[in-house]
C-alpha cells in the first residue's frame, strides 16, 4: 500500500495553489529541488501524472485535482485535531447550547450540570427550556448542540440516546373524586377538568394521542408552563394534571395533592438526548453528551 505523508501533501497543495515550484519553495521555505523530488516520488508511487509542466507554470491534471480536494480535507482535519487536542491539554473550553424540556430542567439537569462543570469549569453552558418540537427543530437547524426531549415524538435524521426513564403520574387535589384511588387508567380521568401543559410539549402530545385513541376530547380548564404552577393549580382545585412521577412526588409532600399511578403503557416514557451528529460535536459538547449518557 502506498503511504502519503503530511509534509508531501502540504507541499503538493502549495505547488497546486502557486502553480510554480519557485513560488511554492519560497512559501514553504524549502529548496525547489526538494519539493520537485517529493512530487516526482508521489507521482511514481501512484503511477499517475499529477501536473502538466508547462513553460508558464505547473497545472493540475484531472488526477491532480482529485488529490488536491482530498489533500485539503486531510490537512483541514489535521488542523482541527490539533486544535481540539490543545483544548484538552489547556483544560476544556467552549460554549454548549442546550435545549431541554421542563422535566429535565426541573429534575435531572441541575445535578448533571453541577458535576459536569466541576470537571470542566472553563466550559459555558447556555441552557434554555423548550417544548419537544422546538427542541428537535433547534437541533436540526443547528441552533442548539444538545437537546433533551420526551420520547413521544421520534425525530428523523437525528441521533438520539436514552437519558432517563421518566414515568408519568396523575396529580389530583386531596378532596378530588379520584383521591381515594391509588391507580387509575386514563379513561377514568377524561370526565374531569385538566390543567394542561404547554401545547406541543411531550406530555401534551401524549394526552392528545390518548384522547384520540378513546375518541374523546379533554377539557383543559387552564394551560400553563412549569410544574410548580401546574401543581399549585391542582392544589387549588382547578383541575387534575399529568406530570412526571418524580415531580409529582416532590409536590405531594408540600401541597394538598395526591399522586396516583397512571396505568397506561404510554405513561412509561423515556427522556432522550439528541444531537445532529456525534462526530460533528465540539469537544465540549461531546464531553457533555458523554457525561449525560453515563449518569
C-alpha atoms as a PDB file:
ATOM      1  CA  UNK A   1       0.000   0.000   0.000  1.00  0.00           C
ATOM      2  CA  UNK A   2       1.307   3.439  -0.957  1.00  0.00           C
ATOM      3  CA  UNK A   3       1.794   5.768   2.005  1.00  0.00           C
ATOM      4  CA  UNK A   4       1.445   9.522   1.703  1.00  0.00           C
ATOM      5  CA  UNK A   5       2.904  11.732   4.441  1.00  0.00           C
ATOM      6  CA  UNK A   6       1.508  15.071   5.539  1.00  0.00           C
ATOM      7  CA  UNK A   7       4.599  17.041   4.516  1.00  0.00           C
ATOM      8  CA  UNK A   8       4.307  15.819   0.931  1.00  0.00           C
ATOM      9  CA  UNK A   9       0.605  16.666   0.870  1.00  0.00           C
ATOM     10  CA  UNK A  10       1.334  20.149   2.200  1.00  0.00           C
ATOM     11  CA  UNK A  11       3.970  20.711  -0.492  1.00  0.00           C
ATOM     12  CA  UNK A  12       1.657  19.354  -3.181  1.00  0.00           C
ATOM     13  CA  UNK A  13      -1.041  21.842  -2.095  1.00  0.00           C
ATOM     14  CA  UNK A  14       1.475  24.701  -2.189  1.00  0.00           C
ATOM     15  CA  UNK A  15       2.560  23.906  -5.753  1.00  0.00           C
ATOM     16  CA  UNK A  16      -1.052  23.452  -6.877  1.00  0.00           C
ATOM     17  CA  UNK A  17      -2.052  26.811  -5.417  1.00  0.00           C
ATOM     18  CA  UNK A  18       1.028  28.721  -6.596  1.00  0.00           C
ATOM     19  CA  UNK A  19       1.298  26.915  -9.989  1.00  0.00           C
ATOM     20  CA  UNK A  20       5.037  27.327  -9.607  1.00  0.00           C
ATOM     21  CA  UNK A  21       7.809  25.343  -7.949  1.00  0.00           C
ATOM     22  CA  UNK A  22       9.788  28.509  -7.240  1.00  0.00           C
ATOM     23  CA  UNK A  23       6.857  30.273  -5.567  1.00  0.00           C
ATOM     24  CA  UNK A  24       5.941  27.159  -3.608  1.00  0.00           C
ATOM     25  CA  UNK A  25       9.562  26.802  -2.453  1.00  0.00           C
ATOM     26  CA  UNK A  26       9.575  30.412  -1.279  1.00  0.00           C
ATOM     27  CA  UNK A  27       6.281  29.942   0.533  1.00  0.00           C
ATOM     28  CA  UNK A  28       7.401  26.737   2.258  1.00  0.00           C
ATOM     29  CA  UNK A  29      10.995  27.887   2.889  1.00  0.00           C
ATOM     30  CA  UNK A  30      12.463  24.873   1.093  1.00  0.00           C
ATOM     31  CA  UNK A  31      14.644  24.314  -1.947  1.00  0.00           C
ATOM     32  CA  UNK A  32      12.693  23.903  -5.184  1.00  0.00           C
ATOM     33  CA  UNK A  33      14.654  20.745  -5.935  1.00  0.00           C
ATOM     34  CA  UNK A  34      13.490  19.157  -2.670  1.00  0.00           C
ATOM     35  CA  UNK A  35       9.857  19.863  -3.493  1.00  0.00           C
ATOM     36  CA  UNK A  36      10.318  18.614  -7.052  1.00  0.00           C
ATOM     37  CA  UNK A  37      11.768  15.344  -5.719  1.00  0.00           C
ATOM     38  CA  UNK A  38       8.802  14.774  -3.392  1.00  0.00           C
ATOM     39  CA  UNK A  39       6.295  15.437  -6.183  1.00  0.00           C
ATOM     40  CA  UNK A  40       8.135  13.118  -8.560  1.00  0.00           C
ATOM     41  CA  UNK A  41       8.141  10.368  -5.925  1.00  0.00           C
ATOM     42  CA  UNK A  42       4.427  10.948  -5.297  1.00  0.00           C
ATOM     43  CA  UNK A  43       3.629  10.538  -8.999  1.00  0.00           C
ATOM     44  CA  UNK A  44       5.850   7.472  -9.179  1.00  0.00           C
ATOM     45  CA  UNK A  45       4.210   5.849  -6.153  1.00  0.00           C
ATOM     46  CA  UNK A  46       0.745   6.284  -7.634  1.00  0.00           C
ATOM     47  CA  UNK A  47       1.934   5.688 -11.207  1.00  0.00           C
ATOM     48  CA  UNK A  48      -0.040   8.719 -12.312  1.00  0.00           C
ATOM     49  CA  UNK A  49       0.652  12.214 -13.592  1.00  0.00           C
ATOM     50  CA  UNK A  50      -0.479  14.956 -11.202  1.00  0.00           C
ATOM     51  CA  UNK A  51       0.802  18.066 -13.012  1.00  0.00           C
ATOM     52  CA  UNK A  52       1.128  19.330 -16.563  1.00  0.00           C
ATOM     53  CA  UNK A  53       4.527  21.010 -16.548  1.00  0.00           C
ATOM     54  CA  UNK A  54       4.469  23.997 -18.939  1.00  0.00           C
ATOM     55  CA  UNK A  55       6.802  26.965 -19.534  1.00  0.00           C
ATOM     56  CA  UNK A  56       4.367  29.281 -17.747  1.00  0.00           C
ATOM     57  CA  UNK A  57       3.791  27.042 -14.729  1.00  0.00           C
ATOM     58  CA  UNK A  58       2.597  23.740 -13.292  1.00  0.00           C
ATOM     59  CA  UNK A  59      -1.078  22.918 -13.716  1.00  0.00           C
ATOM     60  CA  UNK A  60      -3.113  20.091 -12.238  1.00  0.00           C
ATOM     61  CA  UNK A  61      -4.305  17.135 -14.259  1.00  0.00           C
ATOM     62  CA  UNK A  62      -7.693  15.583 -13.517  1.00  0.00           C
ATOM     63  CA  UNK A  63      -5.967  13.205 -11.100  1.00  0.00           C
ATOM     64  CA  UNK A  64      -4.145  16.131  -9.510  1.00  0.00           C
ATOM     65  CA  UNK A  65      -7.418  18.000  -8.967  1.00  0.00           C
ATOM     66  CA  UNK A  66      -8.900  14.961  -7.240  1.00  0.00           C
ATOM     67  CA  UNK A  67      -5.858  14.673  -4.996  1.00  0.00           C
ATOM     68  CA  UNK A  68      -5.989  18.399  -4.182  1.00  0.00           C
ATOM     69  CA  UNK A  69      -9.581  18.063  -2.959  1.00  0.00           C
ATOM     70  CA  UNK A  70      -8.700  15.214  -0.607  1.00  0.00           C
ATOM     71  CA  UNK A  71      -5.396  16.729   0.464  1.00  0.00           C
ATOM     72  CA  UNK A  72      -7.120  19.918   1.601  1.00  0.00           C
ATOM     73  CA  UNK A  73      -9.682  17.904   3.565  1.00  0.00           C
ATOM     74  CA  UNK A  74      -6.919  15.893   5.237  1.00  0.00           C
ATOM     75  CA  UNK A  75      -4.933  18.979   6.197  1.00  0.00           C
ATOM     76  CA  UNK A  76      -8.050  20.711   7.493  1.00  0.00           C
ATOM     77  CA  UNK A  77      -8.913  17.670   9.614  1.00  0.00           C
ATOM     78  CA  UNK A  78      -5.380  17.540  10.980  1.00  0.00           C
ATOM     79  CA  UNK A  79      -5.578  21.229  11.925  1.00  0.00           C
ATOM     80  CA  UNK A  80      -8.919  20.655  13.688  1.00  0.00           C
ATOM     81  CA  UNK A  81      -7.469  17.656  15.518  1.00  0.00           C
ATOM     82  CA  UNK A  82      -4.507  19.717  16.723  1.00  0.00           C
ATOM     83  CA  UNK A  83      -6.835  22.479  17.914  1.00  0.00           C
ATOM     84  CA  UNK A  84      -9.038  20.020  19.811  1.00  0.00           C
ATOM     85  CA  UNK A  85      -6.063  18.356  21.477  1.00  0.00           C
ATOM     86  CA  UNK A  86      -4.778  21.765  22.542  1.00  0.00           C
ATOM     87  CA  UNK A  87      -8.184  22.465  24.105  1.00  0.00           C
ATOM     88  CA  UNK A  88      -7.863  19.271  26.121  1.00  0.00           C
ATOM     89  CA  UNK A  89      -4.305  20.000  27.220  1.00  0.00           C
ATOM     90  CA  UNK A  90      -5.213  23.527  28.309  1.00  0.00           C
ATOM     91  CA  UNK A  91      -8.412  22.457  30.034  1.00  0.00           C
ATOM     92  CA  UNK A  92     -11.716  22.102  28.213  1.00  0.00           C
ATOM     93  CA  UNK A  93     -13.203  25.355  26.977  1.00  0.00           C
ATOM     94  CA  UNK A  94     -16.123  26.365  24.839  1.00  0.00           C
ATOM     95  CA  UNK A  95     -19.849  27.079  24.895  1.00  0.00           C
ATOM     96  CA  UNK A  96     -22.511  24.375  24.761  1.00  0.00           C
ATOM     97  CA  UNK A  97     -26.022  25.289  23.635  1.00  0.00           C
ATOM     98  CA  UNK A  98     -28.597  23.048  25.318  1.00  0.00           C
ATOM     99  CA  UNK A  99     -32.382  22.982  24.940  1.00  0.00           C
ATOM    100  CA  UNK A 100     -34.368  20.753  27.301  1.00  0.00           C
ATOM    101  CA  UNK A 101     -37.929  20.028  28.326  1.00  0.00           C
ATOM    102  CA  UNK A 102     -39.356  21.045  31.680  1.00  0.00           C
ATOM    103  CA  UNK A 103     -38.874  17.618  33.252  1.00  0.00           C
ATOM    104  CA  UNK A 104     -35.156  17.543  32.563  1.00  0.00           C
ATOM    105  CA  UNK A 105     -34.795  21.141  33.728  1.00  0.00           C
ATOM    106  CA  UNK A 106     -36.634  20.508  36.978  1.00  0.00           C
ATOM    107  CA  UNK A 107     -35.355  17.085  37.961  1.00  0.00           C
ATOM    108  CA  UNK A 108     -32.162  15.935  36.300  1.00  0.00           C
ATOM    109  CA  UNK A 109     -30.096  18.647  34.637  1.00  0.00           C
ATOM    110  CA  UNK A 110     -29.229  20.698  37.745  1.00  0.00           C
ATOM    111  CA  UNK A 111     -27.198  17.874  39.303  1.00  0.00           C
ATOM    112  CA  UNK A 112     -25.748  16.762  35.985  1.00  0.00           C
ATOM    113  CA  UNK A 113     -24.647  20.310  35.204  1.00  0.00           C
ATOM    114  CA  UNK A 114     -23.141  20.687  38.660  1.00  0.00           C
ATOM    115  CA  UNK A 115     -20.997  17.570  38.300  1.00  0.00           C
ATOM    116  CA  UNK A 116     -20.031  18.386  34.699  1.00  0.00           C
ATOM    117  CA  UNK A 117     -18.950  21.959  35.449  1.00  0.00           C
ATOM    118  CA  UNK A 118     -16.950  20.724  38.411  1.00  0.00           C
ATOM    119  CA  UNK A 119     -14.925  18.684  35.903  1.00  0.00           C
ATOM    120  CA  UNK A 120     -14.793  21.429  33.244  1.00  0.00           C
ATOM    121  CA  UNK A 121     -15.037  24.820  34.969  1.00  0.00           C
ATOM    122  CA  UNK A 122     -13.983  26.741  31.834  1.00  0.00           C
ATOM    123  CA  UNK A 123     -16.945  25.486  29.805  1.00  0.00           C
ATOM    124  CA  UNK A 124     -20.019  27.704  29.493  1.00  0.00           C
ATOM    125  CA  UNK A 125     -23.480  26.132  29.142  1.00  0.00           C
ATOM    126  CA  UNK A 126     -26.335  28.120  27.600  1.00  0.00           C
ATOM    127  CA  UNK A 127     -29.479  26.325  28.805  1.00  0.00           C
ATOM    128  CA  UNK A 128     -32.979  27.035  27.506  1.00  0.00           C
ATOM    129  CA  UNK A 129     -36.277  25.354  28.359  1.00  0.00           C
ATOM    130  CA  UNK A 130     -38.368  24.432  25.339  1.00  0.00           C
ATOM    131  CA  UNK A 131     -41.043  22.028  24.167  1.00  0.00           C
ATOM    132  CA  UNK A 132     -40.108  18.850  22.327  1.00  0.00           C
ATOM    133  CA  UNK A 133     -40.926  20.147  18.804  1.00  0.00           C
ATOM    134  CA  UNK A 134     -38.953  23.340  19.408  1.00  0.00           C
ATOM    135  CA  UNK A 135     -36.005  21.354  20.781  1.00  0.00           C
ATOM    136  CA  UNK A 136     -35.901  18.987  17.815  1.00  0.00           C
ATOM    137  CA  UNK A 137     -36.195  21.898  15.397  1.00  0.00           C
ATOM    138  CA  UNK A 138     -33.331  23.723  17.120  1.00  0.00           C
ATOM    139  CA  UNK A 139     -31.081  20.660  16.830  1.00  0.00           C
ATOM    140  CA  UNK A 140     -31.982  20.116  13.176  1.00  0.00           C
ATOM    141  CA  UNK A 141     -31.327  23.797  12.391  1.00  0.00           C
ATOM    142  CA  UNK A 142     -28.035  23.811  14.343  1.00  0.00           C
ATOM    143  CA  UNK A 143     -29.458  26.413  16.725  1.00  0.00           C
ATOM    144  CA  UNK A 144     -28.573  24.109  19.638  1.00  0.00           C
ATOM    145  CA  UNK A 145     -25.887  21.482  20.183  1.00  0.00           C
ATOM    146  CA  UNK A 146     -27.742  19.111  22.508  1.00  0.00           C
ATOM    147  CA  UNK A 147     -31.468  18.626  23.066  1.00  0.00           C
ATOM    148  CA  UNK A 148     -33.404  16.716  25.731  1.00  0.00           C
ATOM    149  CA  UNK A 149     -36.988  15.717  24.992  1.00  0.00           C
ATOM    150  CA  UNK A 150     -39.708  13.191  25.821  1.00  0.00           C
ATOM    151  CA  UNK A 151     -39.796  10.175  23.525  1.00  0.00           C
ATOM    152  CA  UNK A 152     -43.430  10.646  22.499  1.00  0.00           C
ATOM    153  CA  UNK A 153     -42.038  12.202  19.324  1.00  0.00           C
ATOM    154  CA  UNK A 154     -39.463  10.251  17.294  1.00  0.00           C
ATOM    155  CA  UNK A 155     -37.149  12.552  15.325  1.00  0.00           C
ATOM    156  CA  UNK A 156     -35.860  11.732  11.852  1.00  0.00           C
ATOM    157  CA  UNK A 157     -32.250  12.283  10.820  1.00  0.00           C
ATOM    158  CA  UNK A 158     -31.069  12.986  14.381  1.00  0.00           C
ATOM    159  CA  UNK A 159     -29.009  10.828  16.717  1.00  0.00           C
ATOM    160  CA  UNK A 160     -30.829  10.042  19.972  1.00  0.00           C
ATOM    161  CA  UNK A 161     -29.677   8.339  23.174  1.00  0.00           C
ATOM    162  CA  UNK A 162     -31.609   7.396  26.305  1.00  0.00           C
ATOM    163  CA  UNK A 163     -31.092   9.913  29.105  1.00  0.00           C
ATOM    164  CA  UNK A 164     -33.516   8.914  31.875  1.00  0.00           C
ATOM    165  CA  UNK A 165     -36.552   6.697  32.485  1.00  0.00           C
ATOM    166  CA  UNK A 166     -39.374   9.038  33.395  1.00  0.00           C
ATOM    167  CA  UNK A 167     -42.783   7.709  34.467  1.00  0.00           C
ATOM    168  CA  UNK A 168     -45.863   9.902  34.219  1.00  0.00           C
ATOM    169  CA  UNK A 169     -48.398  10.075  37.044  1.00  0.00           C
ATOM    170  CA  UNK A 170     -51.699  11.800  37.768  1.00  0.00           C
ATOM    171  CA  UNK A 171     -51.800  14.643  40.295  1.00  0.00           C
ATOM    172  CA  UNK A 172     -55.169  15.352  41.954  1.00  0.00           C
ATOM    173  CA  UNK A 173     -56.397  17.539  44.851  1.00  0.00           C
ATOM    174  CA  UNK A 174     -56.826  15.716  48.174  1.00  0.00           C
ATOM    175  CA  UNK A 175     -60.594  16.271  48.075  1.00  0.00           C
ATOM    176  CA  UNK A 176     -60.980  15.137  44.464  1.00  0.00           C
ATOM    177  CA  UNK A 177     -63.315  12.328  43.424  1.00  0.00           C
ATOM    178  CA  UNK A 178     -60.334  10.188  42.414  1.00  0.00           C
ATOM    179  CA  UNK A 179     -58.294  10.865  45.552  1.00  0.00           C
ATOM    180  CA  UNK A 180     -59.402   7.639  47.223  1.00  0.00           C
ATOM    181  CA  UNK A 181     -57.772   5.637  44.419  1.00  0.00           C
ATOM    182  CA  UNK A 182     -54.115   4.581  44.197  1.00  0.00           C
ATOM    183  CA  UNK A 183     -54.139   3.733  40.494  1.00  0.00           C
ATOM    184  CA  UNK A 184     -56.265   4.934  37.586  1.00  0.00           C
ATOM    185  CA  UNK A 185     -56.465   4.481  33.846  1.00  0.00           C
ATOM    186  CA  UNK A 186     -56.619   7.449  31.523  1.00  0.00           C
ATOM    187  CA  UNK A 187     -60.260   6.579  30.763  1.00  0.00           C
ATOM    188  CA  UNK A 188     -61.066   7.096  34.450  1.00  0.00           C
ATOM    189  CA  UNK A 189     -59.953  10.732  34.209  1.00  0.00           C
ATOM    190  CA  UNK A 190     -61.447  12.062  30.983  1.00  0.00           C
ATOM    191  CA  UNK A 191     -64.611  13.479  32.596  1.00  0.00           C
ATOM    192  CA  UNK A 192     -62.611  15.807  34.857  1.00  0.00           C
ATOM    193  CA  UNK A 193     -61.076  19.211  34.160  1.00  0.00           C
ATOM    194  CA  UNK A 194     -57.401  19.148  33.325  1.00  0.00           C
ATOM    195  CA  UNK A 195     -54.583  21.591  33.932  1.00  0.00           C
ATOM    196  CA  UNK A 196     -52.728  21.396  30.624  1.00  0.00           C
ATOM    197  CA  UNK A 197     -49.018  21.518  29.858  1.00  0.00           C
ATOM    198  CA  UNK A 198     -47.844  23.861  27.074  1.00  0.00           C
ATOM    199  CA  UNK A 199     -49.075  22.976  23.596  1.00  0.00           C
ATOM    200  CA  UNK A 200     -46.562  20.850  21.724  1.00  0.00           C
ATOM    201  CA  UNK A 201     -44.860  19.530  24.848  1.00  0.00           C
ATOM    202  CA  UNK A 202     -44.302  15.782  25.062  1.00  0.00           C
ATOM    203  CA  UNK A 203     -46.925  15.442  27.826  1.00  0.00           C
ATOM    204  CA  UNK A 204     -49.445  17.449  25.804  1.00  0.00           C
ATOM    205  CA  UNK A 205     -48.732  15.239  22.783  1.00  0.00           C
ATOM    206  CA  UNK A 206     -49.193  12.084  24.870  1.00  0.00           C
ATOM    207  CA  UNK A 207     -52.573  13.309  26.182  1.00  0.00           C
ATOM    208  CA  UNK A 208     -53.796  14.278  22.717  1.00  0.00           C
ATOM    209  CA  UNK A 209     -52.921  10.823  21.378  1.00  0.00           C
ATOM    210  CA  UNK A 210     -54.518   9.047  24.341  1.00  0.00           C
ATOM    211  CA  UNK A 211     -57.692  11.137  23.967  1.00  0.00           C
ATOM    212  CA  UNK A 212     -57.823  10.403  20.263  1.00  0.00           C
ATOM    213  CA  UNK A 213     -57.485   6.677  20.933  1.00  0.00           C
ATOM    214  CA  UNK A 214     -60.529   6.871  23.231  1.00  0.00           C
ATOM    215  CA  UNK A 215     -62.447   9.138  20.867  1.00  0.00           C
ATOM    216  CA  UNK A 216     -62.832  11.894  23.463  1.00  0.00           C
ATOM    217  CA  UNK A 217     -61.690  15.467  23.948  1.00  0.00           C
ATOM    218  CA  UNK A 218     -60.167  16.601  27.212  1.00  0.00           C
ATOM    219  CA  UNK A 219     -61.438  19.769  28.823  1.00  0.00           C
ATOM    220  CA  UNK A 220     -58.409  21.922  29.615  1.00  0.00           C
ATOM    221  CA  UNK A 221     -59.576  24.452  32.192  1.00  0.00           C
ATOM    222  CA  UNK A 222     -56.140  26.064  32.189  1.00  0.00           C
ATOM    223  CA  UNK A 223     -52.829  25.731  30.389  1.00  0.00           C
ATOM    224  CA  UNK A 224     -49.582  26.845  31.936  1.00  0.00           C
ATOM    225  CA  UNK A 225     -45.879  26.145  31.853  1.00  0.00           C
ATOM    226  CA  UNK A 226     -43.775  24.996  34.751  1.00  0.00           C
ATOM    227  CA  UNK A 227     -44.572  22.093  37.041  1.00  0.00           C
ATOM    228  CA  UNK A 228     -44.652  24.353  40.081  1.00  0.00           C
ATOM    229  CA  UNK A 229     -47.511  26.389  38.606  1.00  0.00           C
ATOM    230  CA  UNK A 230     -49.332  23.259  37.408  1.00  0.00           C
ATOM    231  CA  UNK A 231     -49.050  21.591  40.825  1.00  0.00           C
ATOM    232  CA  UNK A 232     -50.280  24.673  42.685  1.00  0.00           C
ATOM    233  CA  UNK A 233     -53.279  24.963  40.371  1.00  0.00           C
ATOM    234  CA  UNK A 234     -54.110  21.320  41.087  1.00  0.00           C
ATOM    235  CA  UNK A 235     -53.796  22.026  44.823  1.00  0.00           C
ATOM    236  CA  UNK A 236     -56.184  24.966  44.382  1.00  0.00           C
ATOM    237  CA  UNK A 237     -58.781  22.601  42.926  1.00  0.00           C
ATOM    238  CA  UNK A 238     -58.695  23.954  39.376  1.00  0.00           C
ATOM    239  CA  UNK A 239     -58.217  20.545  37.818  1.00  0.00           C
ATOM    240  CA  UNK A 240     -56.047  17.439  37.617  1.00  0.00           C
ATOM    241  CA  UNK A 241     -52.779  17.079  35.723  1.00  0.00           C
ATOM    242  CA  UNK A 242     -50.425  14.531  34.234  1.00  0.00           C
ATOM    243  CA  UNK A 243     -46.885  15.240  35.366  1.00  0.00           C
ATOM    244  CA  UNK A 244     -43.678  13.233  35.818  1.00  0.00           C
ATOM    245  CA  UNK A 245     -43.915  10.968  38.868  1.00  0.00           C
ATOM    246  CA  UNK A 246     -40.691  12.370  40.312  1.00  0.00           C
ATOM    247  CA  UNK A 247     -42.100  15.906  40.101  1.00  0.00           C
ATOM    248  CA  UNK A 248     -45.490  14.908  41.481  1.00  0.00           C
ATOM    249  CA  UNK A 249     -43.961  13.146  44.479  1.00  0.00           C
ATOM    250  CA  UNK A 250     -41.937  16.207  45.442  1.00  0.00           C
ATOM    251  CA  UNK A 251     -45.022  18.463  45.386  1.00  0.00           C
ATOM    252  CA  UNK A 252     -47.229  15.935  47.200  1.00  0.00           C
ATOM    253  CA  UNK A 253     -45.066  16.443  50.268  1.00  0.00           C
ATOM    254  CA  UNK A 254     -45.718  20.179  50.445  1.00  0.00           C
ATOM    255  CA  UNK A 255     -49.114  20.736  48.780  1.00  0.00           C
ATOM    256  CA  UNK A 256     -52.610  19.361  49.298  1.00  0.00           C
ATOM    257  CA  UNK A 257     -52.337  16.962  46.380  1.00  0.00           C
ATOM    258  CA  UNK A 258     -52.136  13.218  45.868  1.00  0.00           C
ATOM    259  CA  UNK A 259     -50.125  11.242  43.313  1.00  0.00           C
ATOM    260  CA  UNK A 260     -51.945   8.413  41.536  1.00  0.00           C
ATOM    261  CA  UNK A 261     -50.300   5.763  39.400  1.00  0.00           C
ATOM    262  CA  UNK A 262     -51.355   6.116  35.776  1.00  0.00           C
ATOM    263  CA  UNK A 263     -51.905   2.607  34.455  1.00  0.00           C
ATOM    264  CA  UNK A 264     -51.107   3.248  30.818  1.00  0.00           C
ATOM    265  CA  UNK A 265     -48.322   1.982  28.600  1.00  0.00           C
ATOM    266  CA  UNK A 266     -47.603   5.477  27.317  1.00  0.00           C
ATOM    267  CA  UNK A 267     -47.017   6.652  30.902  1.00  0.00           C
ATOM    268  CA  UNK A 268     -43.760   4.664  30.866  1.00  0.00           C
ATOM    269  CA  UNK A 269     -41.780   7.168  28.869  1.00  0.00           C
ATOM    270  CA  UNK A 270     -38.103   7.980  28.453  1.00  0.00           C
ATOM    271  CA  UNK A 271     -36.235  11.240  28.242  1.00  0.00           C
ATOM    272  CA  UNK A 272     -33.903  11.275  25.275  1.00  0.00           C
ATOM    273  CA  UNK A 273     -30.790  13.250  24.394  1.00  0.00           C
ATOM    274  CA  UNK A 274     -30.425  14.165  20.731  1.00  0.00           C
ATOM    275  CA  UNK A 275     -27.752  15.717  18.522  1.00  0.00           C
ATOM    276  CA  UNK A 276     -27.417  16.263  14.794  1.00  0.00           C
ATOM    277  CA  UNK A 277     -24.247  14.196  14.603  1.00  0.00           C
ATOM    278  CA  UNK A 278     -21.996  12.906  17.371  1.00  0.00           C
ATOM    279  CA  UNK A 279     -18.956  13.229  15.110  1.00  0.00           C
ATOM    280  CA  UNK A 280     -19.698  16.908  14.441  1.00  0.00           C
ATOM    281  CA  UNK A 281     -19.898  17.943  18.115  1.00  0.00           C
ATOM    282  CA  UNK A 282     -17.317  20.295  19.577  1.00  0.00           C
ATOM    283  CA  UNK A 283     -15.039  18.729  22.222  1.00  0.00           C
ATOM    284  CA  UNK A 284     -17.007  20.451  24.993  1.00  0.00           C
ATOM    285  CA  UNK A 285     -20.386  19.305  23.652  1.00  0.00           C
ATOM    286  CA  UNK A 286     -19.073  15.762  23.121  1.00  0.00           C
ATOM    287  CA  UNK A 287     -17.830  15.661  26.710  1.00  0.00           C
ATOM    288  CA  UNK A 288     -21.216  16.878  27.999  1.00  0.00           C
ATOM    289  CA  UNK A 289     -23.080  14.297  25.910  1.00  0.00           C
ATOM    290  CA  UNK A 290     -20.861  11.540  27.299  1.00  0.00           C
ATOM    291  CA  UNK A 291     -21.452  12.864  30.813  1.00  0.00           C
ATOM    292  CA  UNK A 292     -25.237  12.852  30.374  1.00  0.00           C
ATOM    293  CA  UNK A 293     -25.205   9.371  28.889  1.00  0.00           C
ATOM    294  CA  UNK A 294     -23.178   7.987  31.808  1.00  0.00           C
ATOM    295  CA  UNK A 295     -25.445   9.164  34.604  1.00  0.00           C
END
